[in-house]
Amino acid sequence: MADRHDTALFWHPSPWISIHVVRNSLIMRSTRLIQQLSMLFCLILASNSFADHSSISREQKIKAAYLYHLTKFIDWPSEHPNKQSQAITICIAGNTTFTHFMLQLEARKAKGRPIHIEPLATPGDTSQCQLIFFQEGHQMEKGKSQQFSQQGTLSISENSNFIKNGGMVGMVIIDNHVRLHINPATIKQAGIMVSANLLEVATIVSRQGADLEI
């Protein structure tokens, strides 16, 4: 009887394996969902915690919150010109109203480091920028994508064709919500490391604009 019992267990393992696989899959999905909800909740809190600026829209506050939280999920290459500096420098190419609003971030820290906001009237010397944000209407100059890659600067924009033109991160509006589009290949070329938690809440795209599976 023991032999038959052992044989029965040997020949019918698949239901138990299937249950184990399904359970692990559900756990992984739940963990990802919690990570996504946690980051989105942090973005909402961050956007609400900014001082009131009637000239700044809710959308711009969300984008400012994204820029702040991106500094927590990024590791820059050791050879970046500003890597040894105590502050994380965020450069803003755009209108002065948003730039002045972003100055509030200088009262905060990311990974224990202070944040410095650097306005860029015209993108000239960007070697000290660890992150550069191009507002709508401010295009990345031709050849700059290669320069940013070489100096390890994370480039971000709210312009729709930014990633197609060699940019790394795009902030796009979908169903009235700000969404992140990320090109990991372009970021990797710059030697920048992106947290998997950030990739979980973003849409992964190629330079050709196609969504990719991760």
Protein backbone atom coordinates (compact mmCIF):
# COMPACT_ATOMS: atom_id res chain seq x y z
CA MET A 1 0.00 0.00 0.00
CA ALA A 2 2.83 2.36 0.82
CA ASP A 3 4.32 1.79 -2.61
CA ARG A 4 1.01 2.54 -4.34
CA HIS A 5 0.55 5.65 -2.20
CA ASP A 6 4.07 6.86 -3.04
CA THR A 7 3.46 6.09 -6.72
CA ALA A 8 0.22 8.06 -6.68
CA LEU A 9 1.99 11.06 -5.22
CA PHE A 10 4.77 10.71 -7.79
CA TRP A 11 2.40 10.63 -10.72
CA HIS A 12 0.18 13.50 -9.61
CA PRO A 13 2.47 16.39 -8.67
CA SER A 14 1.21 18.88 -11.24
CA PRO A 15 -1.80 20.26 -9.30
CA TRP A 16 0.44 21.10 -6.33
CA ILE A 17 3.07 22.65 -8.59
CA SER A 18 0.39 24.69 -10.38
CA ILE A 19 -1.04 25.95 -7.10
CA HIS A 20 2.47 26.93 -5.93
CA VAL A 21 3.21 28.76 -9.20
CA VAL A 22 -0.13 30.59 -9.17
CA ARG A 23 0.36 31.57 -5.53
CA ASN A 24 3.83 32.97 -6.22
CA SER A 25 2.51 34.82 -9.26
CA LEU A 26 -0.27 36.40 -7.19
CA ILE A 27 2.21 37.42 -4.50
CA MET A 28 4.48 39.06 -7.09
CA ARG A 29 1.56 40.92 -8.66
CA SER A 30 0.35 42.08 -5.25
CA THR A 31 3.85 43.31 -4.37
CA ARG A 32 4.09 45.24 -7.63
CA LEU A 33 0.67 46.78 -7.10
CA ILE A 34 1.62 47.86 -3.57
CA GLN A 35 4.84 49.42 -4.92
CA GLN A 36 2.90 51.27 -7.62
CA LEU A 37 0.24 52.52 -5.22
CA SER A 38 2.87 53.55 -2.68
CA MET A 39 4.77 55.65 -5.20
CA LEU A 40 1.59 57.24 -6.56
CA PHE A 41 0.48 58.03 -3.01
CA CYS A 42 3.86 59.66 -2.34
CA LEU A 43 3.45 61.75 -5.49
CA ILE A 44 0.04 62.98 -4.38
CA LEU A 45 1.36 63.85 -0.92
CA ALA A 46 4.38 65.60 -2.39
CA SER A 47 2.27 67.63 -4.81
CA ASN A 48 -0.11 68.67 -2.01
CA SER A 49 2.75 69.62 0.31
CA PHE A 50 4.09 72.31 -2.02
CA ALA A 51 3.26 75.85 -1.00
CA ASP A 52 0.22 77.24 -2.76
CA HIS A 53 0.99 78.90 -6.10
CA SER A 54 -2.14 79.99 -7.95
CA SER A 55 -0.12 80.33 -11.16
CA ILE A 56 0.94 76.66 -11.04
CA SER A 57 -1.52 74.03 -12.22
CA ARG A 58 -2.17 70.69 -10.53
CA GLU A 59 -0.47 69.03 -13.51
CA GLN A 60 2.70 71.05 -12.98
CA LYS A 61 2.69 70.19 -9.26
CA ILE A 62 2.50 66.49 -10.14
CA LYS A 63 5.41 66.90 -12.55
CA ALA A 64 7.40 68.68 -9.85
CA ALA A 65 6.65 65.78 -7.49
CA TYR A 66 7.85 63.33 -10.15
CA LEU A 67 11.10 65.24 -10.56
CA TYR A 68 11.64 65.16 -6.82
CA HIS A 69 10.95 61.43 -6.49
CA LEU A 70 13.06 60.55 -9.51
CA THR A 71 16.12 61.63 -7.54
CA LYS A 72 15.34 58.87 -5.03
CA PHE A 73 15.22 56.10 -7.65
CA ILE A 74 18.30 57.03 -9.69
CA ASP A 75 21.99 56.31 -9.20
CA TRP A 76 24.37 58.36 -11.31
CA PRO A 77 27.69 57.05 -12.66
CA SER A 78 30.72 57.62 -10.45
CA GLU A 79 32.43 59.61 -13.21
CA HIS A 80 29.66 62.23 -13.40
CA PRO A 81 31.26 65.69 -12.95
CA ASN A 82 28.88 66.44 -10.08
CA LYS A 83 28.93 62.97 -8.46
CA GLN A 84 31.21 64.04 -5.62
CA SER A 85 29.21 67.18 -4.93
CA GLN A 86 27.00 67.06 -1.87
CA ALA A 87 23.94 68.40 -3.71
CA ILE A 88 21.86 66.78 -6.44
CA THR A 89 21.50 69.39 -9.19
CA ILE A 90 18.22 69.56 -11.13
CA CYS A 91 18.43 71.90 -14.12
CA ILE A 92 15.22 73.42 -15.50
CA ALA A 93 14.96 74.63 -19.09
CA GLY A 94 11.69 76.51 -19.24
CA ASN A 95 9.59 79.35 -17.93
CA THR A 96 10.65 81.12 -14.77
CA THR A 97 7.32 80.59 -12.99
CA PHE A 98 7.78 76.82 -12.85
CA THR A 99 11.48 77.21 -12.03
CA HIS A 100 10.70 79.48 -9.07
CA PHE A 101 8.07 76.98 -7.93
CA MET A 102 10.69 74.21 -8.11
CA LEU A 103 12.99 76.17 -5.78
CA GLN A 104 10.89 74.80 -2.91
CA LEU A 105 12.70 71.50 -3.43
CA GLU A 106 15.88 73.10 -2.12
CA ALA A 107 14.39 72.76 1.35
CA ARG A 108 14.27 68.99 0.91
CA LYS A 109 16.74 66.15 0.59
CA ALA A 110 17.01 63.00 -1.51
CA LYS A 111 19.06 60.06 -0.28
CA GLY A 112 20.37 62.31 2.46
CA ARG A 113 21.66 64.89 -0.03
CA PRO A 114 20.39 68.44 -0.52
CA ILE A 115 18.75 69.43 -3.81
CA HIS A 116 19.89 72.37 -5.92
CA ILE A 117 17.69 73.87 -8.65
CA GLU A 118 19.58 75.45 -11.54
CA PRO A 119 17.58 77.60 -14.02
CA LEU A 120 18.73 77.35 -17.63
CA ALA A 121 17.70 80.24 -19.84
CA THR A 122 19.50 78.50 -22.70
CA PRO A 123 20.96 74.99 -22.26
CA GLY A 124 24.68 75.78 -22.39
CA ASP A 125 27.05 74.11 -19.95
CA THR A 126 25.03 71.28 -18.47
CA SER A 127 27.93 69.24 -17.09
CA GLN A 128 26.86 69.94 -13.49
CA CYS A 129 23.28 68.83 -14.15
CA GLN A 130 22.48 65.37 -12.85
CA LEU A 131 18.93 65.78 -14.08
CA ILE A 132 17.70 68.20 -16.71
CA PHE A 133 14.03 68.92 -17.37
CA PHE A 134 12.85 70.47 -20.65
CA GLN A 135 9.46 72.10 -20.35
CA GLU A 136 7.00 72.11 -23.21
CA GLY A 137 8.20 74.41 -25.95
CA HIS A 138 11.86 74.04 -24.98
CA GLN A 139 13.41 71.49 -27.29
CA MET A 140 16.60 69.56 -26.68
CA GLU A 141 19.24 70.89 -29.04
CA LYS A 142 20.55 68.60 -31.76
CA GLY A 143 23.46 66.53 -30.49
CA LYS A 144 22.61 67.17 -26.83
CA SER A 145 21.29 63.64 -26.28
CA GLN A 146 24.74 62.24 -27.00
CA GLN A 147 26.31 64.82 -24.70
CA PHE A 148 23.93 63.97 -21.87
CA SER A 149 24.71 60.30 -22.34
CA GLN A 150 28.45 60.92 -22.19
CA GLN A 151 28.26 63.05 -19.04
CA GLY A 152 25.68 60.85 -17.29
CA THR A 153 22.86 63.40 -17.14
CA LEU A 154 19.27 62.13 -16.95
CA SER A 155 17.20 64.03 -19.53
CA ILE A 156 13.46 64.52 -19.00
CA SER A 157 10.84 66.42 -20.96
CA GLU A 158 7.12 66.96 -21.33
CA ASN A 159 7.49 67.27 -25.13
CA SER A 160 5.69 64.44 -26.93
CA ASN A 161 8.55 63.39 -29.26
CA PHE A 162 11.29 63.64 -26.65
CA ILE A 163 12.19 59.94 -26.42
CA LYS A 164 12.07 59.56 -30.21
CA ASN A 165 14.68 62.33 -30.38
CA GLY A 166 17.02 60.54 -27.97
CA GLY A 167 15.59 61.63 -24.61
CA MET A 168 15.51 59.32 -21.60
CA VAL A 169 12.28 60.08 -19.72
CA GLY A 170 9.06 61.60 -20.98
CA MET A 171 6.17 62.99 -18.95
CA VAL A 172 3.05 62.50 -21.05
CA ILE A 173 -0.62 63.21 -20.39
CA ILE A 174 -2.90 60.18 -20.80
CA ASP A 175 -6.56 60.40 -19.75
CA ASN A 176 -5.77 63.62 -17.89
CA HIS A 177 -3.07 61.93 -15.82
CA VAL A 178 0.69 62.45 -15.90
CA ARG A 179 2.44 59.24 -16.93
CA LEU A 180 6.12 58.38 -17.14
CA HIS A 181 7.59 56.97 -20.35
CA ILE A 182 11.11 55.61 -19.91
CA ASN A 183 13.68 54.34 -22.38
CA PRO A 184 15.97 52.05 -20.32
CA ALA A 185 18.36 51.48 -23.23
CA THR A 186 19.17 55.19 -23.54
CA ILE A 187 19.54 55.52 -19.77
CA LYS A 188 21.83 52.49 -19.61
CA GLN A 189 24.10 54.01 -22.27
CA ALA A 190 24.61 56.96 -19.93
CA GLY A 191 25.69 54.65 -17.11
CA ILE A 192 22.67 55.63 -15.02
CA MET A 193 21.03 53.01 -12.82
CA VAL A 194 17.23 53.05 -12.46
CA SER A 195 15.41 51.35 -9.60
CA ALA A 196 13.10 48.49 -10.58
CA ASN A 197 10.42 50.14 -8.43
CA LEU A 198 10.47 53.15 -10.76
CA LEU A 199 10.22 50.96 -13.85
CA GLU A 200 7.15 49.30 -12.33
CA VAL A 201 5.16 52.55 -12.44
CA ALA A 202 6.37 53.63 -15.88
CA THR A 203 5.66 52.67 -19.48
CA ILE A 204 8.80 51.26 -21.06
CA VAL A 205 9.32 52.50 -24.61
CA SER A 206 11.97 52.30 -27.29
CA ARG A 207 13.40 55.23 -29.20
CA GLN A 208 11.04 54.30 -32.04
CA GLY A 209 8.17 54.91 -29.65
CA ALA A 210 6.97 51.32 -29.32
CA ASP A 211 5.92 50.00 -25.92
CA LEU A 212 8.18 47.22 -24.66
CA GLU A 213 7.48 44.35 -22.33
CA ILE A 214 9.64 44.04 -19.21
